[in-house]
Amino acid sequence: MSPQAKEELYRSYLQGTKVKDLSLKYGILPNRVKAIVYQKYLYWEEVYPRLGETHMRMAFDMEMIYARDYPFVNYGIDLNLMAIAEKGMNVSRLKSMPSSFDY
């Protein structure tokens, strides 16, 4: 996901949007939402206060250089995995044995 989308996801979470809703909105697994929220929290609470604005601009420039070679996908990274999880599983029923079954 792009840095802008991750930041938007984090801000939405802070405003009270549930993980499941964010997962459906961005087409990513709930665990990925939690990881992004944790990383953004860690950045804004630990890294940014120590390194400041200059570091943030440098990191953003590095992200954009990376994006030239490998474009970001802001929606649907995990749609295939989410579809598999929604399918569920096959349940087969066994017929009961007749009561007159002899061993």
Protein backbone atom coordinates (compact mmCIF):
# COMPACT_ATOMS: atom_id res chain seq x y z
CA MET A 1 0.00 0.00 0.00
CA SER A 2 1.10 3.55 -0.59
CA PRO A 3 2.21 5.70 2.33
CA GLN A 4 -0.81 7.94 1.79
CA ALA A 5 -3.24 5.01 2.00
CA LYS A 6 -1.53 3.67 5.12
CA GLU A 7 -1.78 7.07 6.76
CA GLU A 8 -5.47 7.34 5.82
CA LEU A 9 -6.07 3.87 7.26
CA TYR A 10 -4.32 4.84 10.50
CA ARG A 11 -6.29 8.08 10.84
CA SER A 12 -9.55 6.22 10.24
CA TYR A 13 -8.62 3.72 12.93
CA LEU A 14 -7.88 6.53 15.38
CA GLN A 15 -11.31 8.01 14.66
CA GLY A 16 -12.94 4.74 15.71
CA THR A 17 -13.33 2.68 12.54
CA LYS A 18 -13.21 -1.02 13.33
CA VAL A 19 -10.49 -3.31 11.99
CA LYS A 20 -13.01 -5.43 10.10
CA ASP A 21 -14.46 -2.37 8.35
CA LEU A 22 -10.98 -1.16 7.36
CA SER A 23 -10.17 -4.65 6.13
CA LEU A 24 -13.17 -4.63 3.82
CA LYS A 25 -12.61 -1.03 2.73
CA TYR A 26 -9.02 -1.64 1.61
CA GLY A 27 -9.35 -5.30 0.60
CA ILE A 28 -6.67 -6.48 3.03
CA LEU A 29 -6.64 -9.04 5.79
CA PRO A 30 -7.41 -7.89 9.36
CA ASN A 31 -3.91 -8.87 10.48
CA ARG A 32 -2.43 -6.59 7.83
CA VAL A 33 -4.64 -3.74 9.10
CA LYS A 34 -3.38 -4.35 12.63
CA ALA A 35 0.24 -4.40 11.42
CA ILE A 36 -0.18 -1.10 9.56
CA VAL A 37 -1.83 0.53 12.58
CA TYR A 38 0.96 -0.71 14.84
CA GLN A 39 3.70 0.49 12.47
CA LYS A 40 2.10 3.92 12.09
CA TYR A 41 1.61 4.21 15.85
CA LEU A 42 5.23 3.28 16.42
CA TYR A 43 6.39 5.79 13.82
CA TRP A 44 4.33 8.72 15.11
CA GLU A 45 4.96 8.01 18.81
CA GLU A 46 8.59 6.84 18.80
CA VAL A 47 10.43 7.65 15.57
CA TYR A 48 9.04 10.99 14.45
CA PRO A 49 9.54 12.80 17.78
CA ARG A 50 13.22 11.79 17.78
CA LEU A 51 14.11 12.23 14.09
CA GLY A 52 11.71 14.95 12.99
CA GLU A 53 10.54 16.45 9.71
CA THR A 54 13.74 15.99 7.71
CA HIS A 55 13.73 12.24 8.29
CA MET A 56 10.07 12.04 7.30
CA ARG A 57 10.75 13.83 4.00
CA MET A 58 13.73 11.58 3.24
CA ALA A 59 11.66 8.47 3.98
CA PHE A 60 8.85 9.75 1.76
CA ASP A 61 11.32 10.37 -1.09
CA MET A 62 12.68 6.84 -0.72
CA GLU A 63 9.12 5.45 -0.89
CA MET A 64 8.50 7.35 -4.12
CA ILE A 65 11.73 6.04 -5.66
CA TYR A 66 10.62 2.51 -4.75
CA ALA A 67 7.16 3.22 -6.24
CA ARG A 68 8.68 4.00 -9.64
CA ASP A 69 9.93 0.42 -9.95
CA TYR A 70 7.16 -1.33 -8.01
CA PRO A 71 3.86 0.58 -8.13
CA PHE A 72 1.71 0.55 -5.02
CA VAL A 73 -1.58 -1.35 -4.85
CA ASN A 74 -3.95 0.57 -2.59
CA TYR A 75 -6.87 -1.82 -2.79
CA GLY A 76 -7.26 -5.55 -2.90
CA ILE A 77 -3.85 -6.89 -1.92
CA ASP A 78 -5.42 -9.82 -0.07
CA LEU A 79 -8.69 -10.30 -1.99
CA ASN A 80 -7.76 -13.84 -3.10
CA LEU A 81 -6.95 -14.90 0.46
CA MET A 82 -10.08 -13.21 1.79
CA ALA A 83 -12.21 -15.06 -0.79
CA ILE A 84 -10.70 -18.39 0.23
CA ALA A 85 -11.38 -17.64 3.91
CA GLU A 86 -15.00 -16.74 3.13
CA LYS A 87 -15.66 -20.00 1.27
CA GLY A 88 -15.55 -22.05 4.42
CA MET A 89 -15.07 -25.79 4.20
CA ASN A 90 -16.92 -28.82 2.91
CA VAL A 91 -18.89 -30.76 5.44
CA SER A 92 -19.90 -34.26 4.47
CA ARG A 93 -22.60 -36.17 6.23
CA LEU A 94 -22.32 -39.84 6.96
CA LYS A 95 -25.41 -42.00 6.79
CA SER A 96 -26.26 -43.75 9.98
CA MET A 97 -25.77 -47.47 10.20
CA PRO A 98 -28.85 -49.63 10.13
CA SER A 99 -29.91 -50.82 13.56
CA SER A 100 -29.86 -54.46 12.44
CA PHE A 101 -26.20 -54.32 11.54
CA ASP A 102 -24.44 -57.44 12.76
CA TYR A 103 -20.78 -57.60 13.55
